[in-house]
């Protein structure tokens, strides 16, 4: 039973990553939108898949290592995304989305 539950949770995470990746292909979206979506895909997708793996393997040393990896990603991924977006903004990077292109 835990195997089925873990596969469902991992499947939800994979579907989330696929839908988020498809959002990256939407035309007329600027750099800042795409970097936000990429951060969400990585963080939430990895978290969901990691929860599924933890359910599958139960409480073990593997789950402890997985928890450590998840904590590192949850802390560092938004931080690095913010640093990249801020560097682009400070350098004067012009977004490809203009005011007349907004819906």
PDB file of N, CA and C in Angstrom:
ATOM      1  N   UNK A   1       0.814  -1.200   0.000  1.00  0.00           N
ATOM      2  CA  UNK A   1       0.000   0.000   0.000  1.00  0.00           C
ATOM      3  C   UNK A   1       0.857   1.263   0.000  1.00  0.00           C
ATOM      4  N   UNK A   2       1.952   1.242   0.769  1.00  0.00           N
ATOM      5  CA  UNK A   2       2.821   2.426   0.786  1.00  0.00           C
ATOM      6  C   UNK A   2       3.487   2.641  -0.561  1.00  0.00           C
ATOM      7  N   UNK A   3       3.711   1.567  -1.307  1.00  0.00           N
ATOM      8  CA  UNK A   3       4.313   1.713  -2.631  1.00  0.00           C
ATOM      9  C   UNK A   3       3.381   2.486  -3.567  1.00  0.00           C
ATOM     10  N   UNK A   4       2.107   2.173  -3.514  1.00  0.00           N
ATOM     11  CA  UNK A   4       1.139   2.864  -4.378  1.00  0.00           C
ATOM     12  C   UNK A   4       1.037   4.332  -3.987  1.00  0.00           C
ATOM     13  N   UNK A   5       0.965   4.596  -2.700  1.00  0.00           N
ATOM     14  CA  UNK A   5       0.885   5.986  -2.221  1.00  0.00           C
ATOM     15  C   UNK A   5       2.127   6.765  -2.634  1.00  0.00           C
ATOM     16  N   UNK A   6       3.294   6.147  -2.487  1.00  0.00           N
ATOM     17  CA  UNK A   6       4.530   6.851  -2.846  1.00  0.00           C
ATOM     18  C   UNK A   6       4.603   7.118  -4.344  1.00  0.00           C
ATOM     19  N   UNK A   7       4.142   6.161  -5.164  1.00  0.00           N
ATOM     20  CA  UNK A   7       4.149   6.373  -6.612  1.00  0.00           C
ATOM     21  C   UNK A   7       3.173   7.482  -7.018  1.00  0.00           C
ATOM     22  N   UNK A   8       2.035   7.564  -6.337  1.00  0.00           N
ATOM     23  CA  UNK A   8       1.082   8.634  -6.619  1.00  0.00           C
ATOM     24  C   UNK A   8       1.687   9.988  -6.262  1.00  0.00           C
ATOM     25  N   UNK A   9       2.332  10.081  -5.114  1.00  0.00           N
ATOM     26  CA  UNK A   9       2.950  11.347  -4.698  1.00  0.00           C
ATOM     27  C   UNK A   9       4.080  11.735  -5.654  1.00  0.00           C
ATOM     28  N   UNK A  10       4.916  10.766  -6.034  1.00  0.00           N
ATOM     29  CA  UNK A  10       5.982  11.074  -6.986  1.00  0.00           C
ATOM     30  C   UNK A  10       5.415  11.449  -8.349  1.00  0.00           C
ATOM     31  N   UNK A  11       4.321  10.799  -8.746  1.00  0.00           N
ATOM     32  CA  UNK A  11       3.674  11.147 -10.008  1.00  0.00           C
ATOM     33  C   UNK A  11       3.142  12.565 -10.003  1.00  0.00           C
ATOM     34  N   UNK A  12       2.571  12.988  -8.875  1.00  0.00           N
ATOM     35  CA  UNK A  12       2.094  14.367  -8.755  1.00  0.00           C
ATOM     36  C   UNK A  12       3.255  15.343  -8.903  1.00  0.00           C
ATOM     37  N   UNK A  13       4.384  15.027  -8.287  1.00  0.00           N
ATOM     38  CA  UNK A  13       5.564  15.891  -8.412  1.00  0.00           C
ATOM     39  C   UNK A  13       6.072  15.964  -9.843  1.00  0.00           C
ATOM     40  N   UNK A  14       6.073  14.838 -10.531  1.00  0.00           N
ATOM     41  CA  UNK A  14       6.545  14.827 -11.924  1.00  0.00           C
ATOM     42  C   UNK A  14       5.585  15.597 -12.824  1.00  0.00           C
ATOM     43  N   UNK A  15       4.271  15.422 -12.591  1.00  0.00           N
ATOM     44  CA  UNK A  15       3.293  16.188 -13.369  1.00  0.00           C
ATOM     45  C   UNK A  15       3.462  17.681 -13.110  1.00  0.00           C
ATOM     46  N   UNK A  16       3.687  18.050 -11.864  1.00  0.00           N
ATOM     47  CA  UNK A  16       3.912  19.462 -11.538  1.00  0.00           C
ATOM     48  C   UNK A  16       5.127  20.004 -12.299  1.00  0.00           C
ATOM     49  N   UNK A  17       6.207  19.223 -12.340  1.00  0.00           N
ATOM     50  CA  UNK A  17       7.397  19.666 -13.058  1.00  0.00           C
ATOM     51  C   UNK A  17       7.140  19.774 -14.561  1.00  0.00           C
ATOM     52  N   UNK A  18       6.371  18.844 -15.123  1.00  0.00           N
ATOM     53  CA  UNK A  18       6.074  18.900 -16.558  1.00  0.00           C
ATOM     54  C   UNK A  18       5.198  20.100 -16.902  1.00  0.00           C
ATOM     55  N   UNK A  19       4.180  20.364 -16.086  1.00  0.00           N
ATOM     56  CA  UNK A  19       3.313  21.520 -16.334  1.00  0.00           C
ATOM     57  C   UNK A  19       4.106  22.817 -16.175  1.00  0.00           C
ATOM     58  N   UNK A  20       4.953  22.882 -15.175  1.00  0.00           N
ATOM     59  CA  UNK A  20       5.788  24.067 -14.994  1.00  0.00           C
ATOM     60  C   UNK A  20       6.759  24.265 -16.146  1.00  0.00           C
ATOM     61  N   UNK A  21       7.296  23.168 -16.665  1.00  0.00           N
ATOM     62  CA  UNK A  21       8.189  23.269 -17.817  1.00  0.00           C
ATOM     63  C   UNK A  21       7.439  23.742 -19.053  1.00  0.00           C
ATOM     64  N   UNK A  22       6.188  23.317 -19.193  1.00  0.00           N
ATOM     65  CA  UNK A  22       5.377  23.785 -20.312  1.00  0.00           C
ATOM     66  C   UNK A  22       5.092  25.280 -20.186  1.00  0.00           C
ATOM     67  N   UNK A  23       4.956  25.775 -18.959  1.00  0.00           N
ATOM     68  CA  UNK A  23       4.750  27.221 -18.755  1.00  0.00           C
ATOM     69  C   UNK A  23       5.955  28.032 -19.211  1.00  0.00           C
ATOM     70  N   UNK A  24       7.117  27.421 -19.178  1.00  0.00           N
ATOM     71  CA  UNK A  24       8.317  28.130 -19.624  1.00  0.00           C
ATOM     72  C   UNK A  24       8.273  28.396 -21.133  1.00  0.00           C
ATOM     73  N   UNK A  25       7.465  27.646 -21.856  1.00  0.00           N
ATOM     74  CA  UNK A  25       7.400  27.779 -23.304  1.00  0.00           C
ATOM     75  C   UNK A  25       6.347  28.773 -23.777  1.00  0.00           C
ATOM     76  N   UNK A  26       5.595  29.359 -22.856  1.00  0.00           N
ATOM     77  CA  UNK A  26       4.554  30.321 -23.224  1.00  0.00           C
ATOM     78  C   UNK A  26       5.222  31.558 -23.827  1.00  0.00           C
ATOM     79  N   UNK A  27       4.779  31.958 -25.015  1.00  0.00           N
ATOM     80  CA  UNK A  27       5.380  33.157 -25.617  1.00  0.00           C
ATOM     81  C   UNK A  27       4.941  34.430 -24.884  1.00  0.00           C
ATOM     82  N   UNK A  28       5.655  35.489 -25.133  1.00  0.00           N
ATOM     83  CA  UNK A  28       5.388  36.807 -24.539  1.00  0.00           C
ATOM     84  C   UNK A  28       5.547  36.807 -23.029  1.00  0.00           C
ATOM     85  N   UNK A  29       6.457  36.034 -22.520  1.00  0.00           N
ATOM     86  CA  UNK A  29       6.769  36.089 -21.094  1.00  0.00           C
ATOM     87  C   UNK A  29       8.204  36.552 -20.944  1.00  0.00           C
ATOM     88  N   UNK A  30       8.443  37.371 -19.960  1.00  0.00           N
ATOM     89  CA  UNK A  30       9.762  37.948 -19.802  1.00  0.00           C
ATOM     90  C   UNK A  30      10.666  37.084 -18.937  1.00  0.00           C
ATOM     91  N   UNK A  31      11.877  37.540 -18.796  1.00  0.00           N
ATOM     92  CA  UNK A  31      12.909  36.824 -18.059  1.00  0.00           C
ATOM     93  C   UNK A  31      12.515  36.601 -16.605  1.00  0.00           C
ATOM     94  N   UNK A  32      11.942  37.598 -15.986  1.00  0.00           N
ATOM     95  CA  UNK A  32      11.628  37.516 -14.565  1.00  0.00           C
ATOM     96  C   UNK A  32      10.496  36.520 -14.301  1.00  0.00           C
ATOM     97  N   UNK A  33       9.529  36.445 -15.197  1.00  0.00           N
ATOM     98  CA  UNK A  33       8.477  35.429 -15.079  1.00  0.00           C
ATOM     99  C   UNK A  33       9.080  34.034 -15.197  1.00  0.00           C
ATOM    100  N   UNK A  34       9.958  33.858 -16.162  1.00  0.00           N
ATOM    101  CA  UNK A  34      10.544  32.539 -16.396  1.00  0.00           C
ATOM    102  C   UNK A  34      11.435  32.105 -15.236  1.00  0.00           C
ATOM    103  N   UNK A  35      12.171  33.020 -14.645  1.00  0.00           N
ATOM    104  CA  UNK A  35      13.040  32.633 -13.532  1.00  0.00           C
ATOM    105  C   UNK A  35      12.205  32.303 -12.293  1.00  0.00           C
ATOM    106  N   UNK A  36      11.068  32.980 -12.109  1.00  0.00           N
ATOM    107  CA  UNK A  36      10.167  32.647 -11.009  1.00  0.00           C
ATOM    108  C   UNK A  36       9.579  31.250 -11.191  1.00  0.00           C
ATOM    109  N   UNK A  37       9.144  30.940 -12.402  1.00  0.00           N
ATOM    110  CA  UNK A  37       8.578  29.621 -12.675  1.00  0.00           C
ATOM    111  C   UNK A  37       9.636  28.535 -12.496  1.00  0.00           C
ATOM    112  N   UNK A  38      10.849  28.790 -12.953  1.00  0.00           N
ATOM    113  CA  UNK A  38      11.920  27.801 -12.808  1.00  0.00           C
ATOM    114  C   UNK A  38      12.211  27.518 -11.333  1.00  0.00           C
ATOM    115  N   UNK A  39      12.180  28.538 -10.514  1.00  0.00           N
ATOM    116  CA  UNK A  39      12.408  28.348  -9.068  1.00  0.00           C
ATOM    117  C   UNK A  39      11.300  27.516  -8.443  1.00  0.00           C
ATOM    118  N   UNK A  40      10.057  27.800  -8.819  1.00  0.00           N
ATOM    119  CA  UNK A  40       8.929  27.046  -8.263  1.00  0.00           C
ATOM    120  C   UNK A  40       8.967  25.589  -8.710  1.00  0.00           C
ATOM    121  N   UNK A  41       9.310  25.358  -9.977  1.00  0.00           N
ATOM    122  CA  UNK A  41       9.392  23.988 -10.484  1.00  0.00           C
ATOM    123  C   UNK A  41      10.416  23.195  -9.677  1.00  0.00           C
ATOM    124  N   UNK A  42      11.581  23.750  -9.519  1.00  0.00           N
ATOM    125  CA  UNK A  42      12.643  23.044  -8.804  1.00  0.00           C
ATOM    126  C   UNK A  42      12.273  22.775  -7.352  1.00  0.00           C
ATOM    127  N   UNK A  43      11.808  23.799  -6.668  1.00  0.00           N
ATOM    128  CA  UNK A  43      11.563  23.666  -5.238  1.00  0.00           C
ATOM    129  C   UNK A  43      10.387  22.748  -4.932  1.00  0.00           C
ATOM    130  N   UNK A  44       9.231  23.050  -5.494  1.00  0.00           N
ATOM    131  CA  UNK A  44       8.037  22.272  -5.170  1.00  0.00           C
ATOM    132  C   UNK A  44       8.091  20.886  -5.806  1.00  0.00           C
ATOM    133  N   UNK A  45       8.585  20.788  -7.030  1.00  0.00           N
ATOM    134  CA  UNK A  45       8.695  19.488  -7.675  1.00  0.00           C
ATOM    135  C   UNK A  45       9.627  18.549  -6.934  1.00  0.00           C
ATOM    136  N   UNK A  46      10.792  19.043  -6.553  1.00  0.00           N
ATOM    137  CA  UNK A  46      11.727  18.206  -5.803  1.00  0.00           C
ATOM    138  C   UNK A  46      11.156  17.824  -4.440  1.00  0.00           C
ATOM    139  N   UNK A  47      10.494  18.756  -3.788  1.00  0.00           N
ATOM    140  CA  UNK A  47       9.912  18.473  -2.477  1.00  0.00           C
ATOM    141  C   UNK A  47       8.863  17.357  -2.574  1.00  0.00           C
ATOM    142  N   UNK A  48       8.014  17.413  -3.579  1.00  0.00           N
ATOM    143  CA  UNK A  48       6.976  16.398  -3.736  1.00  0.00           C
ATOM    144  C   UNK A  48       7.571  15.031  -4.065  1.00  0.00           C
ATOM    145  N   UNK A  49       8.526  14.991  -4.963  1.00  0.00           N
ATOM    146  CA  UNK A  49       9.168  13.719  -5.313  1.00  0.00           C
ATOM    147  C   UNK A  49       9.929  13.168  -4.106  1.00  0.00           C
ATOM    148  N   UNK A  50      10.572  14.029  -3.340  1.00  0.00           N
ATOM    149  CA  UNK A  50      11.310  13.580  -2.158  1.00  0.00           C
ATOM    150  C   UNK A  50      10.364  13.024  -1.088  1.00  0.00           C
ATOM    151  N   UNK A  51       9.198  13.624  -0.935  1.00  0.00           N
ATOM    152  CA  UNK A  51       8.219  13.083   0.008  1.00  0.00           C
ATOM    153  C   UNK A  51       7.774  11.698  -0.445  1.00  0.00           C
ATOM    154  N   UNK A  52       7.555  11.534  -1.737  1.00  0.00           N
ATOM    155  CA  UNK A  52       7.190  10.221  -2.253  1.00  0.00           C
ATOM    156  C   UNK A  52       8.278   9.191  -2.021  1.00  0.00           C
ATOM    157  N   UNK A  53       9.525   9.572  -2.216  1.00  0.00           N
ATOM    158  CA  UNK A  53      10.635   8.655  -1.947  1.00  0.00           C
ATOM    159  C   UNK A  53      10.741   8.318  -0.465  1.00  0.00           C
ATOM    160  N   UNK A  54      10.505   9.307   0.387  1.00  0.00           N
ATOM    161  CA  UNK A  54      10.563   9.053   1.834  1.00  0.00           C
ATOM    162  C   UNK A  54       9.458   8.085   2.260  1.00  0.00           C
ATOM    163  N   UNK A  55       8.277   8.228   1.690  1.00  0.00           N
ATOM    164  CA  UNK A  55       7.186   7.299   1.999  1.00  0.00           C
ATOM    165  C   UNK A  55       7.541   5.902   1.503  1.00  0.00           C
ATOM    166  N   UNK A  56       8.157   5.824   0.345  1.00  0.00           N
ATOM    167  CA  UNK A  56       8.508   4.522  -0.238  1.00  0.00           C
ATOM    168  C   UNK A  56       9.540   3.771   0.593  1.00  0.00           C
ATOM    169  N   UNK A  57      10.554   4.490   1.099  1.00  0.00           N
ATOM    170  CA  UNK A  57      11.647   3.834   1.814  1.00  0.00           C
ATOM    171  C   UNK A  57      11.432   3.766   3.325  1.00  0.00           C
ATOM    172  N   UNK A  58      10.450   4.467   3.830  1.00  0.00           N
ATOM    173  CA  UNK A  58      10.220   4.444   5.272  1.00  0.00           C
ATOM    174  C   UNK A  58      11.280   5.243   6.009  1.00  0.00           C
ATOM    175  N   UNK A  59      11.304   5.108   7.318  1.00  0.00           N
ATOM    176  CA  UNK A  59      12.270   5.840   8.125  1.00  0.00           C
ATOM    177  C   UNK A  59      13.593   5.073   8.127  1.00  0.00           C
ATOM    178  N   UNK A  60      14.586   5.637   7.436  1.00  0.00           N
ATOM    179  CA  UNK A  60      15.890   4.978   7.334  1.00  0.00           C
ATOM    180  C   UNK A  60      16.975   6.039   7.179  1.00  0.00           C
ATOM    181  N   UNK A  61      18.193   5.553   7.027  1.00  0.00           N
ATOM    182  CA  UNK A  61      19.317   6.460   6.809  1.00  0.00           C
ATOM    183  C   UNK A  61      19.162   7.189   5.480  1.00  0.00           C
ATOM    184  N   UNK A  62      18.612   6.498   4.495  1.00  0.00           N
ATOM    185  CA  UNK A  62      18.349   7.105   3.187  1.00  0.00           C
ATOM    186  C   UNK A  62      17.405   8.296   3.326  1.00  0.00           C
ATOM    187  N   UNK A  63      16.364   8.153   4.136  1.00  0.00           N
ATOM    188  CA  UNK A  63      15.410   9.239   4.343  1.00  0.00           C
ATOM    189  C   UNK A  63      16.065  10.436   5.030  1.00  0.00           C
ATOM    190  N   UNK A  64      16.983  10.172   5.938  1.00  0.00           N
ATOM    191  CA  UNK A  64      17.721  11.260   6.585  1.00  0.00           C
ATOM    192  C   UNK A  64      18.572  12.039   5.594  1.00  0.00           C
ATOM    193  N   UNK A  65      19.252  11.320   4.705  1.00  0.00           N
ATOM    194  CA  UNK A  65      20.045  11.989   3.671  1.00  0.00           C
ATOM    195  C   UNK A  65      19.157  12.772   2.712  1.00  0.00           C
ATOM    196  N   UNK A  66      18.017  12.188   2.394  1.00  0.00           N
ATOM    197  CA  UNK A  66      17.064  12.860   1.514  1.00  0.00           C
ATOM    198  C   UNK A  66      16.531  14.131   2.160  1.00  0.00           C
ATOM    199  N   UNK A  67      16.247  14.076   3.446  1.00  0.00           N
ATOM    200  CA  UNK A  67      15.783  15.254   4.175  1.00  0.00           C
ATOM    201  C   UNK A  67      16.842  16.360   4.177  1.00  0.00           C
ATOM    202  N   UNK A  68      18.092  15.984   4.342  1.00  0.00           N
ATOM    203  CA  UNK A  68      19.173  16.970   4.299  1.00  0.00           C
ATOM    204  C   UNK A  68      19.262  17.638   2.927  1.00  0.00           C
ATOM    205  N   UNK A  69      19.140  16.858   1.868  1.00  0.00           N
ATOM    206  CA  UNK A  69      19.173  17.416   0.511  1.00  0.00           C
ATOM    207  C   UNK A  69      17.998  18.362   0.292  1.00  0.00           C
ATOM    208  N   UNK A  70      16.814  17.972   0.756  1.00  0.00           N
ATOM    209  CA  UNK A  70      15.625  18.809   0.592  1.00  0.00           C
ATOM    210  C   UNK A  70      15.785  20.125   1.343  1.00  0.00           C
ATOM    211  N   UNK A  71      16.307  20.086   2.546  1.00  0.00           N
ATOM    212  CA  UNK A  71      16.519  21.319   3.315  1.00  0.00           C
ATOM    213  C   UNK A  71      17.497  22.241   2.594  1.00  0.00           C
ATOM    214  N   UNK A  72      18.572  21.681   2.075  1.00  0.00           N
ATOM    215  CA  UNK A  72      19.551  22.490   1.341  1.00  0.00           C
ATOM    216  C   UNK A  72      18.913  23.132   0.116  1.00  0.00           C
ATOM    217  N   UNK A  73      18.128  22.372  -0.635  1.00  0.00           N
ATOM    218  CA  UNK A  73      17.489  22.913  -1.839  1.00  0.00           C
ATOM    219  C   UNK A  73      16.451  23.964  -1.491  1.00  0.00           C
ATOM    220  N   UNK A  74      15.669  23.721  -0.440  1.00  0.00           N
ATOM    221  CA  UNK A  74      14.638  24.693  -0.048  1.00  0.00           C
ATOM    222  C   UNK A  74      15.263  26.017   0.373  1.00  0.00           C
ATOM    223  N   UNK A  75      16.420  25.973   0.980  1.00  0.00           N
ATOM    224  CA  UNK A  75      17.081  27.207   1.414  1.00  0.00           C
ATOM    225  C   UNK A  75      17.822  27.870   0.258  1.00  0.00           C
ATOM    226  N   UNK A  76      18.582  27.091  -0.506  1.00  0.00           N
ATOM    227  CA  UNK A  76      19.462  27.689  -1.504  1.00  0.00           C
ATOM    228  C   UNK A  76      18.784  28.047  -2.826  1.00  0.00           C
ATOM    229  N   UNK A  77      17.783  27.288  -3.248  1.00  0.00           N
ATOM    230  CA  UNK A  77      17.185  27.549  -4.558  1.00  0.00           C
ATOM    231  C   UNK A  77      16.537  28.931  -4.648  1.00  0.00           C
ATOM    232  N   UNK A  78      15.664  29.346  -3.726  1.00  0.00           N
ATOM    233  CA  UNK A  78      15.128  30.704  -3.812  1.00  0.00           C
ATOM    234  C   UNK A  78      16.202  31.787  -3.641  1.00  0.00           C
ATOM    235  N   UNK A  79      17.194  31.494  -2.826  1.00  0.00           N
ATOM    236  CA  UNK A  79      18.272  32.459  -2.615  1.00  0.00           C
ATOM    237  C   UNK A  79      19.063  32.691  -3.903  1.00  0.00           C
ATOM    238  N   UNK A  80      19.433  31.623  -4.574  1.00  0.00           N
ATOM    239  CA  UNK A  80      20.195  31.746  -5.821  1.00  0.00           C
ATOM    240  C   UNK A  80      19.343  32.382  -6.910  1.00  0.00           C
ATOM    241  N   UNK A  81      18.058  32.031  -6.963  1.00  0.00           N
ATOM    242  CA  UNK A  81      17.170  32.644  -7.945  1.00  0.00           C
ATOM    243  C   UNK A  81      17.058  34.147  -7.712  1.00  0.00           C
ATOM    244  N   UNK A  82      16.956  34.543  -6.463  1.00  0.00           N
ATOM    245  CA  UNK A  82      16.903  35.970  -6.146  1.00  0.00           C
ATOM    246  C   UNK A  82      18.198  36.670  -6.555  1.00  0.00           C
ATOM    247  N   UNK A  83      19.322  36.048  -6.298  1.00  0.00           N
ATOM    248  CA  UNK A  83      20.613  36.653  -6.652  1.00  0.00           C
ATOM    249  C   UNK A  83      20.729  36.841  -8.166  1.00  0.00           C
ATOM    250  N   UNK A  84      20.314  35.844  -8.938  1.00  0.00           N
ATOM    251  CA  UNK A  84      20.389  35.946 -10.399  1.00  0.00           C
ATOM    252  C   UNK A  84      19.444  37.033 -10.907  1.00  0.00           C
ATOM    253  N   UNK A  85      18.207  37.069 -10.394  1.00  0.00           N
ATOM    254  CA  UNK A  85      17.249  38.080 -10.841  1.00  0.00           C
ATOM    255  C   UNK A  85      17.694  39.482 -10.447  1.00  0.00           C
ATOM    256  N   UNK A  86      18.245  39.608  -9.251  1.00  0.00           N
ATOM    257  CA  UNK A  86      18.709  40.931  -8.814  1.00  0.00           C
ATOM    258  C   UNK A  86      19.906  41.398  -9.637  1.00  0.00           C
ATOM    259  N   UNK A  87      20.806  40.473  -9.952  1.00  0.00           N
ATOM    260  CA  UNK A  87      21.960  40.827 -10.781  1.00  0.00           C
ATOM    261  C   UNK A  87      21.509  41.266 -12.168  1.00  0.00           C
ATOM    262  N   UNK A  88      20.507  40.592 -12.714  1.00  0.00           N
ATOM    263  CA  UNK A  88      19.985  40.987 -14.024  1.00  0.00           C
ATOM    264  C   UNK A  88      19.342  42.369 -13.947  1.00  0.00           C
ATOM    265  N   UNK A  89      18.596  42.624 -12.880  1.00  0.00           N
ATOM    266  CA  UNK A  89      17.948  43.924 -12.728  1.00  0.00           C
ATOM    267  C   UNK A  89      18.974  45.034 -12.529  1.00  0.00           C
ATOM    268  N   UNK A  90      19.965  44.786 -11.672  1.00  0.00           N
ATOM    269  CA  UNK A  90      20.983  45.812 -11.390  1.00  0.00           C
ATOM    270  C   UNK A  90      21.857  46.107 -12.614  1.00  0.00           C
ATOM    271  N   UNK A  91      22.049  45.097 -13.473  1.00  0.00           N
ATOM    272  CA  UNK A  91      22.890  45.316 -14.649  1.00  0.00           C
ATOM    273  C   UNK A  91      22.136  46.040 -15.758  1.00  0.00           C
ATOM    274  N   UNK A  92      20.854  46.271 -15.561  1.00  0.00           N
ATOM    275  CA  UNK A  92      20.076  46.993 -16.550  1.00  0.00           C
ATOM    276  C   UNK A  92      19.481  46.095 -17.614  1.00  0.00           C
ATOM    277  N   UNK A  93      19.340  44.833 -17.317  1.00  0.00           N
ATOM    278  CA  UNK A  93      18.756  43.900 -18.275  1.00  0.00           C
ATOM    279  C   UNK A  93      17.332  44.322 -18.583  1.00  0.00           C
ATOM    280  N   UNK A  94      17.043  44.504 -19.859  1.00  0.00           N
ATOM    281  CA  UNK A  94      15.705  44.908 -20.260  1.00  0.00           C
ATOM    282  C   UNK A  94      14.869  43.681 -20.545  1.00  0.00           C
ATOM    283  N   UNK A  95      13.724  43.640 -19.946  1.00  0.00           N
ATOM    284  CA  UNK A  95      12.808  42.530 -20.151  1.00  0.00           C
ATOM    285  C   UNK A  95      12.281  42.566 -21.574  1.00  0.00           C
ATOM    286  N   UNK A  96      11.986  41.403 -22.131  1.00  0.00           N
ATOM    287  CA  UNK A  96      11.450  41.364 -23.484  1.00  0.00           C
ATOM    288  C   UNK A  96       9.978  41.723 -23.519  1.00  0.00           C
ATOM    289  N   UNK A  97       9.326  41.778 -22.378  1.00  0.00           N
ATOM    290  CA  UNK A  97       7.909  42.113 -22.303  1.00  0.00           C
ATOM    291  C   UNK A  97       7.773  43.624 -22.177  1.00  0.00           C
ATOM    292  N   UNK A  98       7.115  44.237 -23.130  1.00  0.00           N
ATOM    293  CA  UNK A  98       6.905  45.688 -23.130  1.00  0.00           C
ATOM    294  C   UNK A  98       5.514  46.005 -22.588  1.00  0.00           C
ATOM    295  N   UNK A  99       5.274  47.244 -22.260  1.00  0.00           N
ATOM    296  CA  UNK A  99       3.998  47.653 -21.677  1.00  0.00           C
ATOM    297  C   UNK A  99       2.841  47.408 -22.643  1.00  0.00           C
ATOM    298  N   UNK A 100       3.066  47.564 -23.927  1.00  0.00           N
ATOM    299  CA  UNK A 100       1.981  47.361 -24.893  1.00  0.00           C
ATOM    300  C   UNK A 100       1.687  45.875 -25.132  1.00  0.00           C
ATOM    301  N   UNK A 101       2.598  44.965 -24.679  1.00  0.00           N
ATOM    302  CA  UNK A 101       2.389  43.532 -24.852  1.00  0.00           C
ATOM    303  C   UNK A 101       1.595  42.907 -23.726  1.00  0.00           C
ATOM    304  N   UNK A 102       1.370  43.638 -22.662  1.00  0.00           N
ATOM    305  CA  UNK A 102       0.664  43.069 -21.513  1.00  0.00           C
ATOM    306  C   UNK A 102      -0.813  42.918 -21.842  1.00  0.00           C
ATOM    307  N   UNK A 103      -1.428  41.848 -21.356  1.00  0.00           N
ATOM    308  CA  UNK A 103      -2.858  41.641 -21.652  1.00  0.00           C
ATOM    309  C   UNK A 103      -3.751  42.585 -20.894  1.00  0.00           C
TER     310      UNK A 103
END
